[in-house]
Amino acid sequence: MRIDTDQTTHGIVPPGFRLPASTTVGRVRLLVSDLTRSVSYYEHVLGLRAGRLPDGRVILTPRDGDRPLVELETRPGIRPAARRATLGLYHFAILLPDRSALGRFLSHVRSIGISVGMSNHLVSEAIYLTDPDGLGIEVYADRPRSEWSYRDRQLTMATDPLDADAVLAAGEGKLWSGMPTGTVMGHVHLHVADLTAAEAFYHAGLGFDKVVWNYPGALFLSAGGYHHHLGTNTWSSNVPPADSQARLLSWDLEVPSVGAAEAAARSLEKASYPVERQGDVRIAADPWGTTVRLFARKP
């Protein structure tokens, strides 16, 4: 086991290739059953701005920006996700720039009668929703890194009750006017069938650091000391989603250069995972068929 000694004092670094510290999560691509219904939800509930592509897909961005966070598409015969959790998406997580924005968002969803879950994860404060197809969404704000704590090199995270009144107060009574500038995709959380296999693909192969590895039934991974860019858990039925169900099609991982994307691809191939190359994009699927796309971040 290698320990990270490059500026941080926690975590377990991968045995070979290591993702650059500036790695971030990009857009998620979702297959939905009713595109019009989903666009309405993502615009009016989440406050994203929709733009249609010539082929009918929809790109969703923050209110004042063009950085894609979510891409929606549909096909004939697609049904909502199964009520029983399947392998693949647990939730994708939209990161707001500050607690004030989270407070305004919480006030907004309450005002329109949307039922939400809420958690204090110690490193962040989170609100949970499901879209019209039953796909999981987290909207969250990070606590300052100076407030994060570690024990035996492992980041301390929890699922505690959220102090909703304090979060609402942080919004200062201001109205929600959509996802603000600075909103990004913070992380993706996946259902997997086996944490050892998930570690082999995402840690030893793709090059994420392990950050939290003693959380019951879950493994959290990141680059650059973040609390997690990827969560994996074994809390599902271990059944893959049907081709006819709404689901996550792929998620993007943005690295600083084409060279870094290729290095990650070669690391996966060295670990016997196939990689497809489409121009500057490197595409691989984890052992349960969830597709990750690696490419260089645009300036």
Protein backbone atom coordinates (compact mmCIF):
# COMPACT_ATOMS: atom_id res chain seq x y z
CA MET A 1 0.00 0.00 0.00
CA ARG A 2 1.39 3.36 -1.06
CA ILE A 3 0.60 6.40 1.07
CA ASP A 4 0.15 9.86 -0.43
CA THR A 5 2.99 12.16 0.56
CA ASP A 6 2.51 14.78 -2.15
CA GLN A 7 1.04 17.72 -0.17
CA THR A 8 -1.60 15.73 1.73
CA THR A 9 -1.38 13.44 4.70
CA HIS A 10 -4.24 11.10 3.99
CA GLY A 11 -5.56 8.56 1.55
CA ILE A 12 -4.15 5.62 -0.35
CA VAL A 13 -2.70 6.30 -3.78
CA PRO A 14 -2.98 3.77 -6.62
CA PRO A 15 -0.13 1.31 -7.28
CA GLY A 16 0.62 2.70 -10.74
CA PHE A 17 -0.88 5.60 -12.67
CA ARG A 18 -2.43 8.32 -10.54
CA LEU A 19 -5.00 10.78 -11.87
CA PRO A 20 -3.80 14.41 -11.83
CA ALA A 21 -4.86 16.52 -8.86
CA SER A 22 -6.92 18.81 -11.13
CA THR A 23 -9.16 15.98 -12.35
CA THR A 24 -12.87 16.82 -12.18
CA VAL A 25 -16.19 15.22 -13.06
CA GLY A 26 -17.96 16.51 -16.17
CA ARG A 27 -21.38 15.90 -17.63
CA VAL A 28 -23.58 12.88 -17.02
CA ARG A 29 -25.65 11.42 -19.85
CA LEU A 30 -29.10 10.12 -18.95
CA LEU A 31 -31.61 8.06 -20.89
CA VAL A 32 -35.13 9.18 -19.93
CA SER A 33 -38.61 8.00 -20.78
CA ASP A 34 -40.27 11.36 -21.55
CA LEU A 35 -37.92 14.10 -22.70
CA THR A 36 -40.43 16.93 -22.37
CA ARG A 37 -41.30 15.94 -18.81
CA SER A 38 -37.65 15.61 -17.82
CA VAL A 39 -36.66 18.95 -19.33
CA SER A 40 -39.46 20.64 -17.39
CA TYR A 41 -38.26 19.03 -14.15
CA TYR A 42 -34.62 19.94 -14.63
CA GLU A 43 -35.51 23.51 -15.56
CA HIS A 44 -38.19 24.30 -12.98
CA VAL A 45 -37.10 22.16 -10.02
CA LEU A 46 -33.31 22.21 -10.36
CA GLY A 47 -32.98 25.55 -12.14
CA LEU A 48 -30.87 24.39 -15.06
CA ARG A 49 -31.07 25.95 -18.51
CA ALA A 50 -31.96 23.67 -21.43
CA GLY A 51 -30.61 23.79 -24.96
CA ARG A 52 -31.60 21.37 -27.72
CA LEU A 53 -29.15 19.79 -30.14
CA PRO A 54 -30.08 19.07 -33.79
CA ASP A 55 -30.38 15.33 -33.06
CA GLY A 56 -32.96 15.95 -30.32
CA ARG A 57 -30.71 15.56 -27.27
CA VAL A 58 -30.95 18.22 -24.59
CA ILE A 59 -27.98 19.84 -22.84
CA LEU A 60 -28.54 21.31 -19.37
CA THR A 61 -26.23 24.03 -18.04
CA PRO A 62 -26.16 26.44 -15.09
CA ARG A 63 -28.25 29.59 -15.41
CA ASP A 64 -25.38 31.86 -16.53
CA GLY A 65 -22.95 29.56 -18.28
CA ASP A 66 -22.45 27.08 -21.06
CA ARG A 67 -20.71 24.30 -19.14
CA PRO A 68 -22.83 21.14 -19.69
CA LEU A 69 -23.81 19.34 -16.50
CA VAL A 70 -26.47 16.91 -17.74
CA GLU A 71 -27.34 15.56 -21.16
CA LEU A 72 -30.75 13.99 -21.75
CA GLU A 73 -31.93 11.73 -24.53
CA THR A 74 -34.81 9.33 -25.08
CA ARG A 75 -35.67 6.37 -27.28
CA PRO A 76 -38.94 4.62 -28.11
CA GLY A 77 -40.15 2.24 -25.42
CA ILE A 78 -38.06 3.56 -22.53
CA ARG A 79 -39.70 3.13 -19.12
CA PRO A 80 -38.86 4.76 -15.75
CA ALA A 81 -36.17 3.12 -13.64
CA ALA A 82 -37.13 0.09 -11.57
CA ARG A 83 -38.26 0.81 -8.02
CA ARG A 84 -35.75 -1.70 -6.72
CA ALA A 85 -32.23 -0.27 -7.03
CA THR A 86 -30.20 -1.73 -9.90
CA LEU A 87 -26.53 -1.62 -10.75
CA GLY A 88 -25.32 1.67 -12.19
CA LEU A 89 -26.43 5.09 -11.02
CA TYR A 90 -27.12 5.71 -7.35
CA HIS A 91 -27.03 9.47 -7.86
CA PHE A 92 -25.14 12.22 -9.60
CA ALA A 93 -24.25 15.22 -7.47
CA ILE A 94 -24.41 18.87 -8.48
CA LEU A 95 -22.06 21.05 -6.44
CA LEU A 96 -23.23 24.58 -5.66
CA PRO A 97 -20.62 27.29 -5.08
CA ASP A 98 -21.59 28.03 -1.47
CA ARG A 99 -23.94 27.34 1.43
CA SER A 100 -26.01 30.41 0.64
CA ALA A 101 -26.97 28.92 -2.72
CA LEU A 102 -27.88 25.65 -1.00
CA GLY A 103 -30.13 27.54 1.40
CA ARG A 104 -31.90 29.28 -1.48
CA PHE A 105 -32.33 25.95 -3.26
CA LEU A 106 -33.77 24.27 -0.17
CA SER A 107 -36.25 27.12 0.27
CA HIS A 108 -37.20 26.81 -3.40
CA VAL A 109 -37.93 23.08 -3.39
CA ARG A 110 -39.93 23.42 -0.20
CA SER A 111 -41.97 26.25 -1.71
CA ILE A 112 -42.97 24.14 -4.72
CA GLY A 113 -43.79 21.07 -2.63
CA ILE A 114 -40.94 18.80 -3.69
CA SER A 115 -40.10 16.04 -1.21
CA VAL A 116 -36.37 15.81 -0.50
CA GLY A 117 -33.92 13.95 1.69
CA MET A 118 -31.24 15.84 3.60
CA SER A 119 -27.90 14.85 5.12
CA ASN A 120 -24.89 16.33 6.84
CA HIS A 121 -21.84 14.43 5.60
CA LEU A 122 -19.39 16.48 7.73
CA VAL A 123 -17.44 17.42 4.59
CA SER A 124 -20.59 18.67 2.87
CA GLU A 125 -24.30 19.35 3.29
CA ALA A 126 -26.64 17.66 0.85
CA ILE A 127 -30.19 17.62 -0.47
CA TYR A 128 -31.45 14.52 -2.30
CA LEU A 129 -34.13 14.29 -4.98
CA THR A 130 -35.26 11.88 -7.67
CA ASP A 131 -36.16 12.94 -11.20
CA PRO A 132 -39.40 11.86 -12.93
CA ASP A 133 -37.80 8.55 -13.96
CA GLY A 134 -36.57 7.74 -10.46
CA LEU A 135 -32.94 8.67 -11.16
CA GLY A 136 -31.11 9.93 -8.09
CA ILE A 137 -29.85 13.50 -7.75
CA GLU A 138 -27.85 15.19 -5.01
CA VAL A 139 -27.49 18.96 -4.76
CA TYR A 140 -24.85 19.94 -2.24
CA ALA A 141 -22.38 22.49 -0.93
CA ASP A 142 -18.97 21.69 0.51
CA ARG A 143 -17.82 22.67 3.95
CA PRO A 144 -14.41 24.41 3.98
CA ARG A 145 -11.54 21.93 3.76
CA SER A 146 -10.17 23.39 6.97
CA GLU A 147 -13.16 21.77 8.71
CA TRP A 148 -12.56 18.28 7.30
CA SER A 149 -11.00 15.76 9.66
CA TYR A 150 -9.04 12.55 9.25
CA ARG A 151 -8.37 9.46 11.29
CA ASP A 152 -5.67 6.94 10.44
CA ARG A 153 -5.23 8.71 7.09
CA GLN A 154 -8.92 8.23 6.25
CA LEU A 155 -11.30 11.14 5.72
CA THR A 156 -14.11 11.28 8.27
CA MET A 157 -17.52 11.23 6.61
CA ALA A 158 -20.96 10.44 8.00
CA THR A 159 -24.66 10.54 7.15
CA ASP A 160 -26.03 12.70 9.94
CA PRO A 161 -29.23 14.78 10.07
CA LEU A 162 -28.95 18.12 8.29
CA ASP A 163 -29.54 21.31 10.25
CA ALA A 164 -32.11 22.51 7.72
CA ASP A 165 -32.88 25.71 9.62
CA ALA A 166 -29.23 26.74 9.54
CA VAL A 167 -28.98 26.00 5.82
CA LEU A 168 -32.16 28.00 5.14
CA ALA A 169 -30.78 30.89 7.19
CA ALA A 170 -27.66 30.89 5.03
CA GLY A 171 -29.88 31.72 2.07
CA GLU A 172 -30.68 35.07 3.75
CA GLY A 173 -34.26 34.99 2.49
CA LYS A 174 -33.17 35.52 -1.12
CA LEU A 175 -35.15 33.89 -3.91
CA TRP A 176 -33.75 30.99 -5.91
CA SER A 177 -33.19 32.08 -9.51
CA GLY A 178 -31.59 28.94 -10.92
CA MET A 179 -28.26 27.16 -10.67
CA PRO A 180 -25.76 30.01 -10.22
CA THR A 181 -22.44 30.69 -11.87
CA GLY A 182 -19.82 28.38 -10.40
CA THR A 183 -22.11 25.34 -10.23
CA VAL A 184 -20.34 22.17 -11.37
CA MET A 185 -20.80 18.43 -11.36
CA GLY A 186 -19.20 17.45 -8.07
CA HIS A 187 -19.30 13.66 -8.09
CA VAL A 188 -21.03 10.52 -9.26
CA HIS A 189 -22.11 7.67 -6.97
CA LEU A 190 -22.62 4.20 -8.42
CA HIS A 191 -24.17 0.92 -7.37
CA VAL A 192 -21.65 -1.90 -7.93
CA ALA A 193 -21.77 -5.61 -7.19
CA ASP A 194 -18.40 -5.91 -5.46
CA LEU A 195 -16.15 -3.31 -3.80
CA THR A 196 -12.96 -5.28 -4.47
CA ALA A 197 -13.73 -5.28 -8.19
CA ALA A 198 -14.66 -1.59 -8.02
CA GLU A 199 -11.31 -0.86 -6.36
CA ALA A 200 -9.47 -2.82 -9.05
CA PHE A 201 -11.10 -0.81 -11.85
CA TYR A 202 -11.34 2.68 -10.40
CA HIS A 203 -8.33 2.75 -8.04
CA ALA A 204 -5.68 0.41 -9.46
CA GLY A 205 -6.81 0.80 -13.07
CA LEU A 206 -8.20 4.30 -13.59
CA GLY A 207 -5.98 5.91 -10.97
CA PHE A 208 -8.20 7.43 -8.28
CA ASP A 209 -6.94 7.69 -4.69
CA LYS A 210 -8.90 5.81 -2.06
CA VAL A 211 -10.24 8.35 0.43
CA VAL A 212 -12.81 6.50 2.56
CA TRP A 213 -12.65 2.70 2.64
CA ASN A 214 -14.25 1.71 5.96
CA TYR A 215 -17.72 3.15 5.33
CA PRO A 216 -20.23 0.27 5.53
CA GLY A 217 -20.76 -1.16 2.06
CA ALA A 218 -19.10 1.73 0.25
CA LEU A 219 -15.79 2.96 -1.14
CA PHE A 220 -15.09 6.63 -1.90
CA LEU A 221 -12.40 7.75 -4.33
CA SER A 222 -11.03 11.06 -5.56
CA ALA A 223 -8.17 13.00 -7.11
CA GLY A 224 -6.33 15.92 -5.56
CA GLY A 225 -7.50 15.29 -2.00
CA TYR A 226 -11.19 16.00 -2.67
CA HIS A 227 -13.68 14.15 -0.43
CA HIS A 228 -14.88 12.14 -3.42
CA HIS A 229 -15.30 12.42 -7.15
CA LEU A 230 -16.69 8.90 -7.17
CA GLY A 231 -18.66 6.87 -4.67
CA THR A 232 -19.31 3.16 -5.09
CA ASN A 233 -21.60 1.03 -2.96
CA THR A 234 -23.09 -2.46 -2.70
CA TRP A 235 -26.52 -1.35 -1.52
CA SER A 236 -28.46 -2.41 -4.63
CA SER A 237 -30.14 -5.59 -5.84
CA ASN A 238 -27.07 -6.44 -7.99
CA VAL A 239 -29.36 -6.61 -11.03
CA PRO A 240 -28.35 -4.58 -14.11
CA PRO A 241 -30.91 -2.13 -15.51
CA ALA A 242 -32.89 -3.39 -18.49
CA ASP A 243 -32.20 -1.84 -21.90
CA SER A 244 -35.76 -0.47 -21.78
CA GLN A 245 -35.25 1.39 -18.48
CA ALA A 246 -34.20 4.98 -17.84
CA ARG A 247 -30.60 4.98 -16.64
CA LEU A 248 -27.16 6.55 -16.66
CA LEU A 249 -25.56 6.09 -20.09
CA SER A 250 -22.14 7.52 -19.25
CA TRP A 251 -20.28 10.05 -17.14
CA ASP A 252 -17.31 12.22 -18.02
CA LEU A 253 -14.00 12.54 -16.24
CA GLU A 254 -12.06 15.64 -17.23
CA VAL A 255 -8.26 15.64 -16.97
CA PRO A 256 -5.84 18.47 -17.79
CA SER A 257 -4.42 17.03 -21.02
CA VAL A 258 -4.85 14.45 -23.75
CA GLY A 259 -1.67 12.87 -22.44
CA ALA A 260 -3.27 12.33 -19.03
CA ALA A 261 -6.35 10.77 -20.64
CA GLU A 262 -4.14 8.42 -22.64
CA ALA A 263 -2.08 7.52 -19.57
CA ALA A 264 -5.27 6.58 -17.72
CA ALA A 265 -6.39 4.54 -20.73
CA ARG A 266 -3.10 2.66 -20.84
CA SER A 267 -3.31 1.98 -17.12
CA LEU A 268 -6.76 0.45 -17.61
CA GLU A 269 -5.52 -1.62 -20.53
CA LYS A 270 -2.56 -2.83 -18.49
CA ALA A 271 -5.11 -4.07 -15.94
CA SER A 272 -6.93 -5.92 -18.79
CA TYR A 273 -9.86 -3.51 -19.19
CA PRO A 274 -10.73 -2.65 -22.82
CA VAL A 275 -10.56 1.01 -23.85
CA GLU A 276 -12.10 2.57 -26.96
CA ARG A 277 -10.49 5.63 -28.53
CA GLN A 278 -12.61 8.20 -30.36
CA GLY A 279 -10.33 11.06 -31.29
CA ASP A 280 -9.10 12.58 -28.03
CA VAL A 281 -11.74 10.75 -25.95
CA ARG A 282 -10.95 7.51 -24.12
CA ILE A 283 -13.96 5.33 -23.25
CA ALA A 284 -14.09 2.38 -20.85
CA ALA A 285 -16.79 0.44 -19.01
CA ASP A 286 -16.51 -0.80 -15.45
CA PRO A 287 -17.24 -4.48 -14.64
CA TRP A 288 -20.98 -3.71 -14.44
CA GLY A 289 -21.22 -1.83 -17.71
CA THR A 290 -21.15 1.77 -16.46
CA THR A 291 -19.30 3.85 -19.04
CA VAL A 292 -16.76 6.53 -18.15
CA ARG A 293 -15.40 8.91 -20.79
CA LEU A 294 -12.00 10.53 -20.27
CA PHE A 295 -10.92 13.63 -22.11
CA ALA A 296 -8.86 16.79 -21.77
CA ARG A 297 -10.67 19.69 -20.15
CA LYS A 298 -11.37 22.60 -22.47
CA PRO A 299 -9.78 25.93 -21.47
